[in-house]
Amino acid sequence: MKCYIVIELKVKEFEPEYIGKLNFYISAINELVRDESDHPTIGILLCKNKDNFEVEFALKDINKPIGVSEYRYKELPENIKENLKTLEELTAELKHWTENEN
């Protein structure tokens, strides 16, 4: 299955407006990046904690595949830290990508 996945990480408790922002990101990927052969873009929202009742109502009329989950974080293992890109590397890649799109 070839599709894009948008993951948004929030360091706060779930807020219903987070779904609207994630929906915006998914729509942007679908319009600007995704092609006809790709499956629908999936959105994943990770929050410090969530109230399932609020999440259910926030997702009620959303027609895109979005999931909301909690996370628990202590510290990343060294082997993962070493393989993550720095902010500077990510910024350079994004700049390069946007320049090549224009």
PDB file of N, CA and C in Angstrom:
ATOM      1  N   MET A   1       0.837  -1.173   0.000  1.00  0.00           N
ATOM      2  CA  MET A   1       0.000   0.000   0.000  1.00  0.00           C
ATOM      3  C   MET A   1       0.884   1.239   0.000  1.00  0.00           C
ATOM      4  N   LYS A   2       0.817   2.016  -1.042  1.00  0.00           N
ATOM      5  CA  LYS A   2       1.605   3.240  -1.127  1.00  0.00           C
ATOM      6  C   LYS A   2       0.713   4.423  -0.767  1.00  0.00           C
ATOM      7  N   CYS A   3       1.078   5.099   0.308  1.00  0.00           N
ATOM      8  CA  CYS A   3       0.338   6.286   0.712  1.00  0.00           C
ATOM      9  C   CYS A   3       1.249   7.171   1.556  1.00  0.00           C
ATOM     10  N   TYR A   4       0.852   8.418   1.693  1.00  0.00           N
ATOM     11  CA  TYR A   4       1.564   9.337   2.572  1.00  0.00           C
ATOM     12  C   TYR A   4       0.944   9.249   3.953  1.00  0.00           C
ATOM     13  N   ILE A   5       1.789   9.438   4.955  1.00  0.00           N
ATOM     14  CA  ILE A   5       1.326   9.458   6.338  1.00  0.00           C
ATOM     15  C   ILE A   5       1.812  10.757   6.967  1.00  0.00           C
ATOM     16  N   VAL A   6       0.880  11.519   7.509  1.00  0.00           N
ATOM     17  CA  VAL A   6       1.197  12.762   8.198  1.00  0.00           C
ATOM     18  C   VAL A   6       1.097  12.487   9.680  1.00  0.00           C
ATOM     19  N   ILE A   7       2.203  12.688  10.393  1.00  0.00           N
ATOM     20  CA  ILE A   7       2.225  12.471  11.842  1.00  0.00           C
ATOM     21  C   ILE A   7       2.442  13.816  12.513  1.00  0.00           C
ATOM     22  N   GLU A   8       1.542  14.144  13.419  1.00  0.00           N
ATOM     23  CA  GLU A   8       1.670  15.382  14.178  1.00  0.00           C
ATOM     24  C   GLU A   8       1.823  15.011  15.652  1.00  0.00           C
ATOM     25  N   LEU A   9       2.859  15.549  16.257  1.00  0.00           N
ATOM     26  CA  LEU A   9       3.151  15.282  17.656  1.00  0.00           C
ATOM     27  C   LEU A   9       2.856  16.528  18.469  1.00  0.00           C
ATOM     28  N   LYS A  10       2.002  16.382  19.466  1.00  0.00           N
ATOM     29  CA  LYS A  10       1.662  17.490  20.365  1.00  0.00           C
ATOM     30  C   LYS A  10       2.195  17.157  21.758  1.00  0.00           C
ATOM     31  N   VAL A  11       2.818  18.131  22.389  1.00  0.00           N
ATOM     32  CA  VAL A  11       3.355  17.912  23.733  1.00  0.00           C
ATOM     33  C   VAL A  11       2.318  18.263  24.797  1.00  0.00           C
ATOM     34  N   LYS A  12       1.097  18.557  24.360  1.00  0.00           N
ATOM     35  CA  LYS A  12       0.011  18.922  25.260  1.00  0.00           C
ATOM     36  C   LYS A  12      -1.106  17.899  25.166  1.00  0.00           C
ATOM     37  N   GLU A  13      -2.085  18.064  26.035  1.00  0.00           N
ATOM     38  CA  GLU A  13      -3.284  17.247  26.013  1.00  0.00           C
ATOM     39  C   GLU A  13      -4.073  17.530  24.733  1.00  0.00           C
ATOM     40  N   PHE A  14      -4.822  16.533  24.251  1.00  0.00           N
ATOM     41  CA  PHE A  14      -5.623  16.667  23.037  1.00  0.00           C
ATOM     42  C   PHE A  14      -6.569  17.853  23.134  1.00  0.00           C
ATOM     43  N   GLU A  15      -6.645  18.603  22.039  1.00  0.00           N
ATOM     44  CA  GLU A  15      -7.615  19.684  21.871  1.00  0.00           C
ATOM     45  C   GLU A  15      -8.338  19.415  20.554  1.00  0.00           C
ATOM     46  N   PRO A  16      -9.663  19.576  20.498  1.00  0.00           N
ATOM     47  CA  PRO A  16     -10.407  19.285  19.264  1.00  0.00           C
ATOM     48  C   PRO A  16      -9.884  20.035  18.038  1.00  0.00           C
ATOM     49  N   GLU A  17      -9.366  21.248  18.220  1.00  0.00           N
ATOM     50  CA  GLU A  17      -8.880  22.007  17.062  1.00  0.00           C
ATOM     51  C   GLU A  17      -7.657  21.367  16.409  1.00  0.00           C
ATOM     52  N   TYR A  18      -6.967  20.467  17.103  1.00  0.00           N
ATOM     53  CA  TYR A  18      -5.831  19.764  16.494  1.00  0.00           C
ATOM     54  C   TYR A  18      -6.274  18.945  15.276  1.00  0.00           C
ATOM     55  N   ILE A  19      -7.514  18.446  15.320  1.00  0.00           N
ATOM     56  CA  ILE A  19      -8.031  17.653  14.199  1.00  0.00           C
ATOM     57  C   ILE A  19      -8.166  18.529  12.958  1.00  0.00           C
ATOM     58  N   GLY A  20      -8.625  19.752  13.132  1.00  0.00           N
ATOM     59  CA  GLY A  20      -8.750  20.666  12.003  1.00  0.00           C
ATOM     60  C   GLY A  20      -7.414  20.958  11.358  1.00  0.00           C
ATOM     61  N   LYS A  21      -6.390  21.144  12.172  1.00  0.00           N
ATOM     62  CA  LYS A  21      -5.047  21.419  11.646  1.00  0.00           C
ATOM     63  C   LYS A  21      -4.514  20.199  10.902  1.00  0.00           C
ATOM     64  N   LEU A  22      -4.681  19.012  11.481  1.00  0.00           N
ATOM     65  CA  LEU A  22      -4.224  17.791  10.820  1.00  0.00           C
ATOM     66  C   LEU A  22      -4.998  17.564   9.516  1.00  0.00           C
ATOM     67  N   ASN A  23      -6.286  17.836   9.522  1.00  0.00           N
ATOM     68  CA  ASN A  23      -7.101  17.736   8.314  1.00  0.00           C
ATOM     69  C   ASN A  23      -6.556  18.668   7.230  1.00  0.00           C
ATOM     70  N   PHE A  24      -6.140  19.865   7.621  1.00  0.00           N
ATOM     71  CA  PHE A  24      -5.530  20.822   6.698  1.00  0.00           C
ATOM     72  C   PHE A  24      -4.262  20.239   6.076  1.00  0.00           C
ATOM     73  N   TYR A  25      -3.388  19.662   6.900  1.00  0.00           N
ATOM     74  CA  TYR A  25      -2.142  19.075   6.397  1.00  0.00           C
ATOM     75  C   TYR A  25      -2.417  17.930   5.425  1.00  0.00           C
ATOM     76  N   ILE A  26      -3.378  17.089   5.761  1.00  0.00           N
ATOM     77  CA  ILE A  26      -3.721  15.967   4.893  1.00  0.00           C
ATOM     78  C   ILE A  26      -4.240  16.483   3.551  1.00  0.00           C
ATOM     79  N   SER A  27      -5.107  17.494   3.591  1.00  0.00           N
ATOM     80  CA  SER A  27      -5.631  18.075   2.356  1.00  0.00           C
ATOM     81  C   SER A  27      -4.508  18.648   1.505  1.00  0.00           C
ATOM     82  N   ALA A  28      -3.540  19.300   2.138  1.00  0.00           N
ATOM     83  CA  ALA A  28      -2.410  19.870   1.399  1.00  0.00           C
ATOM     84  C   ALA A  28      -1.596  18.773   0.725  1.00  0.00           C
ATOM     85  N   ILE A  29      -1.311  17.702   1.422  1.00  0.00           N
ATOM     86  CA  ILE A  29      -0.558  16.584   0.833  1.00  0.00           C
ATOM     87  C   ILE A  29      -1.357  15.984  -0.321  1.00  0.00           C
ATOM     88  N   ASN A  30      -2.654  15.783  -0.110  1.00  0.00           N
ATOM     89  CA  ASN A  30      -3.490  15.200  -1.160  1.00  0.00           C
ATOM     90  C   ASN A  30      -3.513  16.078  -2.412  1.00  0.00           C
ATOM     91  N   GLU A  31      -3.544  17.369  -2.236  1.00  0.00           N
ATOM     92  CA  GLU A  31      -3.637  18.295  -3.368  1.00  0.00           C
ATOM     93  C   GLU A  31      -2.288  18.542  -4.036  1.00  0.00           C
ATOM     94  N   LEU A  32      -1.223  18.665  -3.250  1.00  0.00           N
ATOM     95  CA  LEU A  32       0.065  19.107  -3.784  1.00  0.00           C
ATOM     96  C   LEU A  32       1.079  17.994  -4.060  1.00  0.00           C
ATOM     97  N   VAL A  33       0.947  16.862  -3.374  1.00  0.00           N
ATOM     98  CA  VAL A  33       1.990  15.833  -3.461  1.00  0.00           C
ATOM     99  C   VAL A  33       1.459  14.502  -3.987  1.00  0.00           C
ATOM    100  N   ARG A  34       0.352  14.063  -3.481  1.00  0.00           N
ATOM    101  CA  ARG A  34      -0.195  12.745  -3.803  1.00  0.00           C
ATOM    102  C   ARG A  34      -0.579  12.654  -5.278  1.00  0.00           C
ATOM    103  N   ASP A  35      -0.317  11.486  -5.877  1.00  0.00           N
ATOM    104  CA  ASP A  35      -0.771  11.295  -7.257  1.00  0.00           C
ATOM    105  C   ASP A  35      -1.870  10.232  -7.292  1.00  0.00           C
ATOM    106  N   GLU A  36      -2.418  10.006  -8.461  1.00  0.00           N
ATOM    107  CA  GLU A  36      -3.582   9.134  -8.619  1.00  0.00           C
ATOM    108  C   GLU A  36      -3.340   7.693  -8.177  1.00  0.00           C
ATOM    109  N   SER A  37      -2.093   7.242  -8.242  1.00  0.00           N
ATOM    110  CA  SER A  37      -1.811   5.855  -7.877  1.00  0.00           C
ATOM    111  C   SER A  37      -1.646   5.653  -6.371  1.00  0.00           C
ATOM    112  N   ASP A  38      -1.560   6.742  -5.606  1.00  0.00           N
ATOM    113  CA  ASP A  38      -1.404   6.643  -4.151  1.00  0.00           C
ATOM    114  C   ASP A  38      -2.751   6.393  -3.475  1.00  0.00           C
ATOM    115  N   HIS A  39      -2.708   5.648  -2.396  1.00  0.00           N
ATOM    116  CA  HIS A  39      -3.887   5.480  -1.552  1.00  0.00           C
ATOM    117  C   HIS A  39      -4.088   6.767  -0.748  1.00  0.00           C
ATOM    118  N   PRO A  40      -5.255   6.948  -0.135  1.00  0.00           N
ATOM    119  CA  PRO A  40      -5.506   8.176   0.626  1.00  0.00           C
ATOM    120  C   PRO A  40      -4.458   8.400   1.723  1.00  0.00           C
ATOM    121  N   THR A  41      -4.139   9.656   1.928  1.00  0.00           N
ATOM    122  CA  THR A  41      -3.190  10.045   2.972  1.00  0.00           C
ATOM    123  C   THR A  41      -3.800   9.751   4.336  1.00  0.00           C
ATOM    124  N   ILE A  42      -2.970   9.256   5.238  1.00  0.00           N
ATOM    125  CA  ILE A  42      -3.395   8.910   6.593  1.00  0.00           C
ATOM    126  C   ILE A  42      -2.829   9.941   7.552  1.00  0.00           C
ATOM    127  N   GLY A  43      -3.637  10.380   8.507  1.00  0.00           N
ATOM    128  CA  GLY A  43      -3.184  11.307   9.532  1.00  0.00           C
ATOM    129  C   GLY A  43      -3.118  10.628  10.886  1.00  0.00           C
ATOM    130  N   ILE A  44      -2.019  10.860  11.589  1.00  0.00           N
ATOM    131  CA  ILE A  44      -1.858  10.317  12.940  1.00  0.00           C
ATOM    132  C   ILE A  44      -1.524  11.476  13.863  1.00  0.00           C
ATOM    133  N   LEU A  45      -2.333  11.641  14.899  1.00  0.00           N
ATOM    134  CA  LEU A  45      -2.121  12.690  15.883  1.00  0.00           C
ATOM    135  C   LEU A  45      -1.708  12.037  17.194  1.00  0.00           C
ATOM    136  N   LEU A  46      -0.535  12.389  17.679  1.00  0.00           N
ATOM    137  CA  LEU A  46      -0.033  11.866  18.945  1.00  0.00           C
ATOM    138  C   LEU A  46      -0.047  12.996  19.968  1.00  0.00           C
ATOM    139  N   CYS A  47      -0.728  12.772  21.085  1.00  0.00           N
ATOM    140  CA  CYS A  47      -0.861  13.785  22.133  1.00  0.00           C
ATOM    141  C   CYS A  47      -0.366  13.238  23.460  1.00  0.00           C
ATOM    142  N   LYS A  48      -0.051  14.157  24.356  1.00  0.00           N
ATOM    143  CA  LYS A  48       0.410  13.763  25.698  1.00  0.00           C
ATOM    144  C   LYS A  48      -0.656  12.906  26.388  1.00  0.00           C
ATOM    145  N   ASN A  49      -1.908  13.305  26.260  1.00  0.00           N
ATOM    146  CA  ASN A  49      -3.029  12.480  26.719  1.00  0.00           C
ATOM    147  C   ASN A  49      -4.288  12.941  26.007  1.00  0.00           C
ATOM    148  N   LYS A  50      -5.360  12.154  26.130  1.00  0.00           N
ATOM    149  CA  LYS A  50      -6.581  12.455  25.391  1.00  0.00           C
ATOM    150  C   LYS A  50      -7.796  11.971  26.156  1.00  0.00           C
ATOM    151  N   ASP A  51      -8.910  12.591  25.852  1.00  0.00           N
ATOM    152  CA  ASP A  51     -10.206  12.173  26.358  1.00  0.00           C
ATOM    153  C   ASP A  51     -10.939  11.559  25.167  1.00  0.00           C
ATOM    154  N   ASN A  52     -11.243  10.278  25.228  1.00  0.00           N
ATOM    155  CA  ASN A  52     -11.856   9.581  24.091  1.00  0.00           C
ATOM    156  C   ASN A  52     -13.184  10.203  23.670  1.00  0.00           C
ATOM    157  N   PHE A  53     -13.930  10.758  24.603  1.00  0.00           N
ATOM    158  CA  PHE A  53     -15.199  11.403  24.295  1.00  0.00           C
ATOM    159  C   PHE A  53     -14.959  12.618  23.399  1.00  0.00           C
ATOM    160  N   GLU A  54     -13.978  13.451  23.743  1.00  0.00           N
ATOM    161  CA  GLU A  54     -13.636  14.616  22.916  1.00  0.00           C
ATOM    162  C   GLU A  54     -13.145  14.194  21.538  1.00  0.00           C
ATOM    163  N   VAL A  55     -12.293  13.179  21.495  1.00  0.00           N
ATOM    164  CA  VAL A  55     -11.753  12.703  20.214  1.00  0.00           C
ATOM    165  C   VAL A  55     -12.880  12.214  19.315  1.00  0.00           C
ATOM    166  N   GLU A  56     -13.810  11.461  19.878  1.00  0.00           N
ATOM    167  CA  GLU A  56     -14.923  10.935  19.088  1.00  0.00           C
ATOM    168  C   GLU A  56     -15.718  12.067  18.435  1.00  0.00           C
ATOM    169  N   PHE A  57     -16.026  13.118  19.185  1.00  0.00           N
ATOM    170  CA  PHE A  57     -16.785  14.234  18.627  1.00  0.00           C
ATOM    171  C   PHE A  57     -15.955  15.039  17.630  1.00  0.00           C
ATOM    172  N   ALA A  58     -14.684  15.189  17.882  1.00  0.00           N
ATOM    173  CA  ALA A  58     -13.820  15.945  16.964  1.00  0.00           C
ATOM    174  C   ALA A  58     -13.695  15.246  15.611  1.00  0.00           C
ATOM    175  N   LEU A  59     -13.742  13.916  15.603  1.00  0.00           N
ATOM    176  CA  LEU A  59     -13.601  13.147  14.366  1.00  0.00           C
ATOM    177  C   LEU A  59     -14.930  12.828  13.687  1.00  0.00           C
ATOM    178  N   LYS A  60     -16.038  13.166  14.327  1.00  0.00           N
ATOM    179  CA  LYS A  60     -17.358  12.731  13.882  1.00  0.00           C
ATOM    180  C   LYS A  60     -17.648  12.974  12.404  1.00  0.00           C
ATOM    181  N   ASP A  61     -17.389  14.147  11.872  1.00  0.00           N
ATOM    182  CA  ASP A  61     -17.721  14.431  10.473  1.00  0.00           C
ATOM    183  C   ASP A  61     -16.490  14.561   9.581  1.00  0.00           C
ATOM    184  N   ILE A  62     -15.373  14.074  10.040  1.00  0.00           N
ATOM    185  CA  ILE A  62     -14.144  14.083   9.239  1.00  0.00           C
ATOM    186  C   ILE A  62     -14.170  12.853   8.335  1.00  0.00           C
ATOM    187  N   ASN A  63     -13.936  13.055   7.040  1.00  0.00           N
ATOM    188  CA  ASN A  63     -14.006  11.952   6.072  1.00  0.00           C
ATOM    189  C   ASN A  63     -12.633  11.460   5.626  1.00  0.00           C
ATOM    190  N   LYS A  64     -11.611  11.788   6.369  1.00  0.00           N
ATOM    191  CA  LYS A  64     -10.258  11.334   6.044  1.00  0.00           C
ATOM    192  C   LYS A  64      -9.805  10.351   7.130  1.00  0.00           C
ATOM    193  N   PRO A  65      -8.906   9.433   6.774  1.00  0.00           N
ATOM    194  CA  PRO A  65      -8.419   8.476   7.777  1.00  0.00           C
ATOM    195  C   PRO A  65      -7.473   9.160   8.765  1.00  0.00           C
ATOM    196  N   ILE A  66      -7.976   9.402   9.981  1.00  0.00           N
ATOM    197  CA  ILE A  66      -7.196  10.056  11.034  1.00  0.00           C
ATOM    198  C   ILE A  66      -7.305   9.227  12.302  1.00  0.00           C
ATOM    199  N   GLY A  67      -6.178   9.020  12.956  1.00  0.00           N
ATOM    200  CA  GLY A  67      -6.153   8.338  14.233  1.00  0.00           C
ATOM    201  C   GLY A  67      -5.534   9.237  15.286  1.00  0.00           C
ATOM    202  N   VAL A  68      -5.994   9.091  16.516  1.00  0.00           N
ATOM    203  CA  VAL A  68      -5.471   9.878  17.633  1.00  0.00           C
ATOM    204  C   VAL A  68      -5.028   8.908  18.711  1.00  0.00           C
ATOM    205  N   SER A  69      -3.834   9.135  19.234  1.00  0.00           N
ATOM    206  CA  SER A  69      -3.316   8.266  20.279  1.00  0.00           C
ATOM    207  C   SER A  69      -2.497   9.068  21.276  1.00  0.00           C
ATOM    208  N   GLU A  70      -2.303   8.487  22.432  1.00  0.00           N
ATOM    209  CA  GLU A  70      -1.440   9.075  23.458  1.00  0.00           C
ATOM    210  C   GLU A  70      -0.045   8.500  23.307  1.00  0.00           C
ATOM    211  N   TYR A  71       0.914   9.199  23.841  1.00  0.00           N
ATOM    212  CA  TYR A  71       2.274   8.677  23.856  1.00  0.00           C
ATOM    213  C   TYR A  71       2.866   8.860  25.248  1.00  0.00           C
ATOM    214  N   ARG A  72       3.850   8.057  25.521  1.00  0.00           N
ATOM    215  CA  ARG A  72       4.627   8.190  26.754  1.00  0.00           C
ATOM    216  C   ARG A  72       6.083   8.266  26.338  1.00  0.00           C
ATOM    217  N   TYR A  73       6.749   9.262  26.851  1.00  0.00           N
ATOM    218  CA  TYR A  73       8.128   9.507  26.425  1.00  0.00           C
ATOM    219  C   TYR A  73       9.025   9.653  27.638  1.00  0.00           C
ATOM    220  N   LYS A  74      10.134   8.960  27.593  1.00  0.00           N
ATOM    221  CA  LYS A  74      11.170   9.163  28.606  1.00  0.00           C
ATOM    222  C   LYS A  74      12.398   9.721  27.911  1.00  0.00           C
ATOM    223  N   GLU A  75      13.038   8.893  27.105  1.00  0.00           N
ATOM    224  CA  GLU A  75      14.183   9.345  26.317  1.00  0.00           C
ATOM    225  C   GLU A  75      14.444   8.352  25.201  1.00  0.00           C
ATOM    226  N   LEU A  76      14.864   8.871  24.050  1.00  0.00           N
ATOM    227  CA  LEU A  76      15.159   7.996  22.919  1.00  0.00           C
ATOM    228  C   LEU A  76      16.454   7.236  23.161  1.00  0.00           C
ATOM    229  N   PRO A  77      16.500   5.981  22.728  1.00  0.00           N
ATOM    230  CA  PRO A  77      17.754   5.232  22.799  1.00  0.00           C
ATOM    231  C   PRO A  77      18.812   5.890  21.904  1.00  0.00           C
ATOM    232  N   GLU A  78      20.061   5.740  22.249  1.00  0.00           N
ATOM    233  CA  GLU A  78      21.168   6.368  21.515  1.00  0.00           C
ATOM    234  C   GLU A  78      21.179   5.987  20.037  1.00  0.00           C
ATOM    235  N   ASN A  79      20.914   4.714  19.709  1.00  0.00           N
ATOM    236  CA  ASN A  79      20.961   4.304  18.299  1.00  0.00           C
ATOM    237  C   ASN A  79      19.895   5.009  17.469  1.00  0.00           C
ATOM    238  N   ILE A  80      18.781   5.369  18.081  1.00  0.00           N
ATOM    239  CA  ILE A  80      17.762   6.128  17.353  1.00  0.00           C
ATOM    240  C   ILE A  80      18.178   7.585  17.260  1.00  0.00           C
ATOM    241  N   LYS A  81      18.672   8.154  18.351  1.00  0.00           N
ATOM    242  CA  LYS A  81      19.120   9.553  18.341  1.00  0.00           C
ATOM    243  C   LYS A  81      20.163   9.789  17.252  1.00  0.00           C
ATOM    244  N   GLU A  82      21.083   8.858  17.111  1.00  0.00           N
ATOM    245  CA  GLU A  82      22.164   8.999  16.126  1.00  0.00           C
ATOM    246  C   GLU A  82      21.634   9.026  14.693  1.00  0.00           C
ATOM    247  N   ASN A  83      20.520   8.355  14.440  1.00  0.00           N
ATOM    248  CA  ASN A  83      19.980   8.261  13.083  1.00  0.00           C
ATOM    249  C   ASN A  83      18.966   9.341  12.739  1.00  0.00           C
ATOM    250  N   LEU A  84      18.592  10.159  13.715  1.00  0.00           N
ATOM    251  CA  LEU A  84      17.655  11.238  13.442  1.00  0.00           C
ATOM    252  C   LEU A  84      18.382  12.423  12.817  1.00  0.00           C
ATOM    253  N   LYS A  85      17.714  13.084  11.888  1.00  0.00           N
ATOM    254  CA  LYS A  85      18.300  14.265  11.265  1.00  0.00           C
ATOM    255  C   LYS A  85      18.187  15.454  12.206  1.00  0.00           C
ATOM    256  N   THR A  86      19.127  16.373  12.062  1.00  0.00           N
ATOM    257  CA  THR A  86      19.095  17.591  12.860  1.00  0.00           C
ATOM    258  C   THR A  86      18.078  18.555  12.268  1.00  0.00           C
ATOM    259  N   LEU A  87      17.733  19.575  13.028  1.00  0.00           N
ATOM    260  CA  LEU A  87      16.821  20.602  12.535  1.00  0.00           C
ATOM    261  C   LEU A  87      17.393  21.269  11.291  1.00  0.00           C
ATOM    262  N   GLU A  88      18.680  21.502  11.280  1.00  0.00           N
ATOM    263  CA  GLU A  88      19.331  22.130  10.130  1.00  0.00           C
ATOM    264  C   GLU A  88      19.225  21.249   8.886  1.00  0.00           C
ATOM    265  N   GLU A  89      19.427  19.945   9.039  1.00  0.00           N
ATOM    266  CA  GLU A  89      19.317  19.017   7.911  1.00  0.00           C
ATOM    267  C   GLU A  89      17.887  18.973   7.363  1.00  0.00           C
ATOM    268  N   LEU A  90      16.909  18.931   8.263  1.00  0.00           N
ATOM    269  CA  LEU A  90      15.513  18.911   7.831  1.00  0.00           C
ATOM    270  C   LEU A  90      15.141  20.211   7.121  1.00  0.00           C
ATOM    271  N   THR A  91      15.611  21.339   7.649  1.00  0.00           N
ATOM    272  CA  THR A  91      15.337  22.631   7.029  1.00  0.00           C
ATOM    273  C   THR A  91      15.943  22.707   5.637  1.00  0.00           C
ATOM    274  N   ALA A  92      17.175  22.226   5.490  1.00  0.00           N
ATOM    275  CA  ALA A  92      17.837  22.233   4.185  1.00  0.00           C
ATOM    276  C   ALA A  92      17.092  21.344   3.195  1.00  0.00           C
ATOM    277  N   GLU A  93      16.645  20.174   3.621  1.00  0.00           N
ATOM    278  CA  GLU A  93      15.889  19.277   2.741  1.00  0.00           C
ATOM    279  C   GLU A  93      14.581  19.916   2.302  1.00  0.00           C
ATOM    280  N   LEU A  94      13.879  20.552   3.242  1.00  0.00           N
ATOM    281  CA  LEU A  94      12.619  21.204   2.909  1.00  0.00           C
ATOM    282  C   LEU A  94      12.850  22.340   1.920  1.00  0.00           C
ATOM    283  N   LYS A  95      13.894  23.122   2.145  1.00  0.00           N
ATOM    284  CA  LYS A  95      14.215  24.222   1.235  1.00  0.00           C
ATOM    285  C   LYS A  95      14.527  23.672  -0.160  1.00  0.00           C
ATOM    286  N   HIS A  96      15.341  22.626  -0.211  1.00  0.00           N
ATOM    287  CA  HIS A  96      15.701  22.007  -1.488  1.00  0.00           C
ATOM    288  C   HIS A  96      14.452  21.486  -2.198  1.00  0.00           C
ATOM    289  N   TRP A  97      13.579  20.815  -1.472  1.00  0.00           N
ATOM    290  CA  TRP A  97      12.360  20.242  -2.042  1.00  0.00           C
ATOM    291  C   TRP A  97      11.458  21.336  -2.589  1.00  0.00           C
ATOM    292  N   THR A  98      11.258  22.410  -1.820  1.00  0.00           N
ATOM    293  CA  THR A  98      10.360  23.475  -2.286  1.00  0.00           C
ATOM    294  C   THR A  98      10.960  24.231  -3.480  1.00  0.00           C
ATOM    295  N   GLU A  99      12.273  24.401  -3.513  1.00  0.00           N
ATOM    296  CA  GLU A  99      12.912  25.053  -4.653  1.00  0.00           C
ATOM    297  C   GLU A  99      12.762  24.225  -5.921  1.00  0.00           C
ATOM    298  N   ASN A 100      12.849  22.915  -5.798  1.00  0.00           N
ATOM    299  CA  ASN A 100      12.727  22.036  -6.963  1.00  0.00           C
ATOM    300  C   ASN A 100      11.290  21.901  -7.448  1.00  0.00           C
ATOM    301  N   GLU A 101      10.319  22.184  -6.596  1.00  0.00           N
ATOM    302  CA  GLU A 101       8.910  22.117  -6.990  1.00  0.00           C
ATOM    303  C   GLU A 101       8.517  23.331  -7.816  1.00  0.00           C
ATOM    304  N   ASN A 102       9.218  24.434  -7.620  1.00  0.00           N
ATOM    305  CA  ASN A 102       8.870  25.679  -8.342  1.00  0.00           C
ATOM    306  C   ASN A 102       9.622  25.710  -9.596  1.00  0.00           C
TER     307      ASN A 102
END
